[in-house]
Amino acid sequence: MRRVRAQLRHEGQRASRKRVARLMREACLRGVSRRRGFTVTTERNVRARPAPDLVNRQFVADAPNVLWVADMTYIPTWTGFLYLAVVLDAFSRKVVGWAMGEQMTAELVIAALNMALHTRRPASVIHHSDQGSQYTSLAFGGRCREMGVKPSMGTVGDAYDNAMAESFFATLECELIDRRCWRSKAEARTALFTWIESWYNPRRLHSALNYESPINFEEKQGARNDRAPSTGLPTASAGSSQAPTAAVDNPASQSA
C-alpha cells in the first residue's frame, strides 16, 4: 500500500493512507508476498581460498561505485533452467551489471562484472558476494586484480551476509518469476531484460530510497552519468541488445 501511495504521489495525485487502503480493498488488490523458497545455487570449492569479508553486513554506501553486491539465481523454463548473475550498487540498489547463461560458471559472473565495469568505470570498488566456486575461481580473482576491484565474501550458508542481493532476488521472484512461465529460455531472457532495464532500474520504487527508483535516486543525489561509452569492455551477452528501452509498467502483467 505504501508503494502504491508513493507512486500516486509521483504522478501528482495525493491521497491519504486510509483512502488508498480502502480503494485497494474495494478493488480486491493486495501486495504480493515475498515469501521466497531457497534452492542451493552456491557450490563452494573447499580447496579455494575465499576473500575476506570487507562488508560485515553493512550494506551502505555514501556514493556510487563504493560497494557492489553480487549473486546469481536460477529461472525455471519449460526447457530447463536459465541462470542470472547480477551486480548491484549498494548506493542506489541499481543493477549495474547482469549476465544470463545456461550454466553456473565463472564466465557468467565475470560477464556480469564486466558489464558493471563497462557502465560504471569505477576508480576502486568493493565487490561483495558469497563463497560460490564461481567467485572464488582463479579466473574471477584474476579479473578483479586486473581491474582494481577488491573482492569481499561473506560466510558460508548465511544469507544475511549477502542480504541486499538476496532481497533483490526475492523481489524478482515475487514480482516476475512466480507470476509468469516461459516456454523457452529465449522468452525468459527477454522478460528478465525488460524487468531489469525497463522496470526495476527506472521505475520500481524502494522504501530504502525514500520511494524513488534507482535511476531517479542517483539523478537526485547528483550521481555521475554512468552511461556506457561507445567502446570499452564487453557487456553481458554477445548478440543481445543493450540499447536503452522505454520504461514500462511491471512486465509480469504482460502475457507469457
Protein backbone atom coordinates (compact mmCIF):
# COMPACT_ATOMS: atom_id res chain seq x y z
CA MET A 1 0.00 0.00 0.00
CA ARG A 2 2.83 2.42 0.81
CA ARG A 3 4.42 1.86 -2.58
CA VAL A 4 1.08 2.42 -4.34
CA ARG A 5 0.62 5.67 -2.45
CA ALA A 6 4.17 6.76 -3.29
CA GLN A 7 3.56 6.01 -6.98
CA LEU A 8 0.41 8.13 -6.93
CA ARG A 9 2.38 10.95 -5.35
CA HIS A 10 4.99 10.69 -8.13
CA GLU A 11 2.15 11.06 -10.63
CA GLY A 12 0.86 14.20 -8.91
CA GLN A 13 -2.08 12.61 -7.12
CA ARG A 14 -2.30 12.92 -3.36
CA ALA A 15 -4.37 10.56 -1.25
CA SER A 16 -4.35 9.60 2.41
CA ARG A 17 -3.11 6.22 3.54
CA LYS A 18 -6.62 5.21 4.64
CA ARG A 19 -8.16 6.19 1.30
CA VAL A 20 -5.60 4.18 -0.66
CA ALA A 21 -6.18 1.18 1.64
CA ARG A 22 -9.94 1.45 1.21
CA LEU A 23 -9.76 1.73 -2.59
CA MET A 24 -7.42 -1.24 -2.76
CA ARG A 25 -9.82 -3.32 -0.63
CA GLU A 26 -12.77 -2.35 -2.83
CA ALA A 27 -10.81 -3.32 -5.96
CA CYS A 28 -9.62 -6.58 -4.31
CA LEU A 29 -5.98 -5.51 -4.68
CA ARG A 30 -3.21 -6.50 -2.32
CA GLY A 31 0.57 -6.58 -2.36
CA VAL A 32 2.36 -9.73 -3.44
CA SER A 33 4.05 -11.85 -0.79
CA ARG A 34 7.83 -12.06 -0.65
CA ARG A 35 7.99 -15.50 0.94
CA ARG A 36 10.85 -16.96 -1.01
CA GLY A 37 11.80 -20.60 -1.20
CA PHE A 38 15.53 -21.27 -1.47
CA THR A 39 17.31 -23.62 -3.83
CA VAL A 40 21.05 -24.03 -3.49
CA THR A 41 22.98 -22.12 -6.15
CA THR A 42 26.15 -21.74 -4.08
CA GLU A 43 28.61 -24.55 -4.67
CA ARG A 44 31.75 -23.91 -2.66
CA ASN A 45 35.16 -25.13 -3.74
CA VAL A 46 36.68 -26.30 -0.45
CA ARG A 47 40.18 -26.01 -1.91
CA ALA A 48 39.72 -22.36 -2.89
CA ARG A 49 40.73 -19.56 -0.56
CA PRO A 50 37.87 -17.06 -0.16
CA ALA A 51 38.39 -13.32 0.07
CA PRO A 52 37.92 -11.65 3.48
CA ASP A 53 34.59 -10.12 4.43
CA LEU A 54 35.10 -6.36 3.98
CA VAL A 55 31.40 -5.53 4.48
CA ASN A 56 30.34 -7.26 7.74
CA ARG A 57 26.66 -6.89 6.80
CA GLN A 58 26.99 -3.10 6.48
CA PHE A 59 25.35 -2.69 3.07
CA VAL A 60 25.60 1.09 2.94
CA ALA A 61 27.48 3.45 0.67
CA ASP A 62 27.54 7.24 0.55
CA ALA A 63 28.36 7.42 -3.15
CA PRO A 64 28.10 5.28 -6.29
CA ASN A 65 30.80 2.71 -7.03
CA VAL A 66 31.93 2.28 -3.43
CA LEU A 67 30.27 -1.08 -2.76
CA TRP A 68 28.81 -3.55 -5.23
CA VAL A 69 26.98 -6.72 -4.18
CA ALA A 70 26.66 -9.73 -6.45
CA ASP A 71 24.94 -13.10 -6.61
CA MET A 72 23.26 -15.47 -9.02
CA THR A 73 19.94 -17.31 -9.21
CA TYR A 74 18.03 -19.67 -11.48
CA ILE A 75 14.89 -19.14 -13.57
CA PRO A 76 12.83 -22.22 -14.49
CA THR A 77 11.56 -22.62 -18.06
CA TRP A 78 9.91 -25.46 -19.94
CA THR A 79 13.29 -26.30 -21.49
CA GLY A 80 15.38 -26.18 -18.31
CA PHE A 81 16.97 -23.64 -16.02
CA LEU A 82 18.34 -20.26 -17.08
CA TYR A 83 20.86 -18.68 -14.72
CA LEU A 84 21.10 -14.97 -13.95
CA ALA A 85 24.11 -13.25 -12.35
CA VAL A 86 23.77 -9.66 -11.20
CA VAL A 87 25.85 -6.85 -9.71
CA LEU A 88 24.04 -4.14 -7.70
CA ASP A 89 25.37 -0.81 -6.48
CA ALA A 90 24.65 -0.58 -2.74
CA PHE A 91 24.29 3.20 -3.04
CA SER A 92 21.12 3.09 -5.14
CA ARG A 93 20.22 -0.61 -5.44
CA LYS A 94 20.66 -0.19 -9.20
CA VAL A 95 21.51 -3.28 -11.25
CA VAL A 96 24.75 -2.12 -12.86
CA GLY A 97 25.75 -5.46 -14.34
CA TRP A 98 23.99 -8.67 -15.30
CA ALA A 99 24.52 -11.76 -17.43
CA MET A 100 22.45 -14.82 -18.34
CA GLY A 101 23.59 -18.30 -19.24
CA GLU A 102 22.65 -21.97 -19.19
CA GLN A 103 25.34 -22.97 -16.67
CA MET A 104 26.63 -21.58 -13.38
CA THR A 105 30.18 -20.83 -14.47
CA ALA A 106 32.91 -18.37 -13.62
CA GLU A 107 32.43 -16.90 -17.09
CA LEU A 108 28.86 -15.95 -16.17
CA VAL A 109 29.81 -13.92 -13.09
CA ILE A 110 32.77 -12.39 -14.94
CA ALA A 111 30.39 -11.26 -17.69
CA ALA A 112 28.18 -9.54 -15.11
CA LEU A 113 31.26 -7.90 -13.55
CA ASN A 114 32.47 -6.79 -16.98
CA MET A 115 29.15 -5.11 -17.69
CA ALA A 116 29.31 -3.26 -14.36
CA LEU A 117 32.85 -2.13 -15.09
CA HIS A 118 31.82 -1.06 -18.59
CA THR A 119 28.85 1.03 -17.48
CA ARG A 120 30.28 2.50 -14.26
CA ARG A 121 34.06 2.74 -14.76
CA PRO A 122 34.92 2.81 -11.02
CA ALA A 123 38.27 4.00 -9.75
CA SER A 124 38.09 1.49 -6.89
CA VAL A 125 35.19 -0.58 -5.64
CA ILE A 126 34.44 -3.44 -3.23
CA HIS A 127 32.72 -6.41 -4.88
CA HIS A 128 30.87 -8.47 -2.26
CA SER A 129 29.50 -11.96 -2.94
CA ASP A 130 29.08 -15.36 -1.35
CA GLN A 131 31.76 -18.06 -1.45
CA GLY A 132 30.43 -19.82 -4.52
CA SER A 133 33.06 -21.53 -6.62
CA GLN A 134 32.41 -19.07 -9.45
CA TYR A 135 33.52 -16.15 -7.25
CA THR A 136 36.47 -17.97 -5.67
CA SER A 137 37.74 -19.14 -9.07
CA LEU A 138 41.18 -18.12 -10.32
CA ALA A 139 39.60 -16.51 -13.39
CA PHE A 140 37.32 -14.24 -11.37
CA GLY A 141 40.06 -13.33 -8.91
CA GLY A 142 42.38 -12.50 -11.77
CA ARG A 143 39.78 -10.24 -13.38
CA CYS A 144 39.30 -8.38 -10.11
CA ARG A 145 43.05 -7.82 -9.72
CA GLU A 146 43.33 -6.68 -13.32
CA MET A 147 40.62 -4.03 -12.89
CA GLY A 148 41.45 -2.91 -9.34
CA VAL A 149 38.31 -4.44 -7.81
CA LYS A 150 38.55 -5.51 -4.16
CA PRO A 151 36.70 -8.84 -3.66
CA SER A 152 34.80 -9.46 -0.44
CA MET A 153 32.94 -12.62 0.58
CA GLY A 154 30.50 -13.50 3.35
CA THR A 155 30.49 -16.67 5.40
CA VAL A 156 29.20 -19.99 4.10
CA GLY A 157 25.47 -20.74 4.35
CA ASP A 158 24.40 -17.39 5.80
CA ALA A 159 22.01 -15.41 3.58
CA TYR A 160 22.32 -12.35 5.84
CA ASP A 161 25.95 -11.94 4.76
CA ASN A 162 24.67 -11.08 1.27
CA ALA A 163 21.28 -9.72 2.31
CA MET A 164 20.99 -6.98 -0.30
CA ALA A 165 21.45 -9.41 -3.20
CA GLU A 166 19.07 -11.89 -1.57
CA SER A 167 16.48 -9.11 -1.22
CA PHE A 168 16.81 -8.27 -4.91
CA PHE A 169 16.20 -11.88 -5.94
CA ALA A 170 13.23 -12.15 -3.57
CA THR A 171 11.75 -9.11 -5.32
CA LEU A 172 12.45 -10.60 -8.75
CA GLU A 173 10.81 -13.87 -7.73
CA CYS A 174 7.60 -12.42 -6.29
CA GLU A 175 7.15 -9.73 -8.96
CA LEU A 176 8.08 -11.72 -12.07
CA ILE A 177 9.16 -15.35 -11.76
CA ASP A 178 6.23 -16.54 -9.60
CA ARG A 179 3.74 -14.79 -11.90
CA ARG A 180 4.98 -16.00 -15.28
CA CYS A 181 6.09 -19.15 -17.03
CA TRP A 182 8.22 -19.39 -20.15
CA ARG A 183 8.20 -21.99 -22.90
CA SER A 184 11.81 -21.28 -23.83
CA LYS A 185 14.95 -19.74 -22.38
CA ALA A 186 14.78 -17.05 -25.06
CA GLU A 187 11.40 -15.93 -23.71
CA ALA A 188 12.82 -15.82 -20.18
CA ARG A 189 15.83 -13.78 -21.33
CA THR A 190 13.55 -11.18 -22.91
CA ALA A 191 11.34 -10.98 -19.81
CA LEU A 192 14.31 -10.60 -17.47
CA PHE A 193 15.89 -7.92 -19.65
CA THR A 194 12.62 -5.97 -19.72
CA TRP A 195 12.08 -6.32 -15.97
CA ILE A 196 15.58 -5.08 -15.11
CA GLU A 197 16.13 -2.35 -17.69
CA SER A 198 12.58 -1.06 -18.21
CA TRP A 199 11.02 -1.60 -14.78
CA TYR A 200 13.38 -2.21 -11.87
CA ASN A 201 16.09 0.36 -12.62
CA PRO A 202 13.96 3.25 -13.97
CA ARG A 203 10.58 2.80 -12.25
CA ARG A 204 10.43 0.48 -9.25
CA LEU A 205 10.16 2.45 -6.02
CA HIS A 206 12.26 1.47 -2.98
CA SER A 207 11.39 2.30 0.59
CA ALA A 208 15.12 2.47 1.41
CA LEU A 209 15.48 5.19 -1.26
CA ASN A 210 12.61 7.29 0.09
CA TYR A 211 10.36 5.70 -2.52
CA GLU A 212 12.49 6.64 -5.52
CA SER A 213 13.62 4.34 -8.31
CA PRO A 214 17.35 3.57 -8.51
CA ILE A 215 17.89 5.78 -11.56
CA ASN A 216 15.89 8.69 -10.13
CA PHE A 217 17.68 8.36 -6.81
CA GLU A 218 21.09 8.63 -8.46
CA GLU A 219 19.97 11.60 -10.53
CA LYS A 220 18.58 13.42 -7.49
CA GLN A 221 21.71 12.66 -5.50
CA GLY A 222 23.85 14.14 -8.23
CA ALA A 223 25.42 10.83 -9.13
CA ARG A 224 27.69 10.92 -12.12
CA ASN A 225 26.45 9.93 -15.54
CA ASP A 226 27.02 6.19 -15.84
CA ARG A 227 26.12 5.71 -19.50
CA ALA A 228 28.43 3.33 -21.29
CA PRO A 229 30.90 4.77 -23.82
CA SER A 230 30.90 3.66 -27.43
CA THR A 231 33.92 1.42 -26.83
CA GLY A 232 35.09 -0.47 -23.79
CA LEU A 233 34.70 -3.77 -22.02
CA PRO A 234 32.36 -6.46 -23.38
CA THR A 235 28.84 -6.42 -21.98
CA ALA A 236 26.69 -9.19 -20.61
CA SER A 237 25.96 -11.46 -23.55
CA ALA A 238 27.11 -11.50 -27.13
CA GLY A 239 24.41 -10.79 -29.66
CA SER A 240 21.93 -9.31 -27.17
CA SER A 241 20.88 -5.68 -27.38
CA GLN A 242 21.89 -3.36 -24.55
CA ALA A 243 20.17 -0.33 -26.08
CA PRO A 244 18.06 1.73 -23.66
CA THR A 245 14.41 0.76 -23.61
CA ALA A 246 11.37 2.76 -22.66
CA ALA A 247 10.20 2.40 -19.08
CA VAL A 248 7.19 0.13 -18.72
CA ASP A 249 4.75 -0.98 -16.07
CA ASN A 250 5.69 -4.18 -14.28
CA PRO A 251 6.26 -6.65 -17.17
CA ALA A 252 4.88 -9.53 -15.10
CA SER A 253 1.43 -8.34 -16.09
CA GLN A 254 2.19 -8.91 -19.77
CA SER A 255 1.04 -12.14 -21.37
CA ALA A 256 3.52 -15.01 -21.45
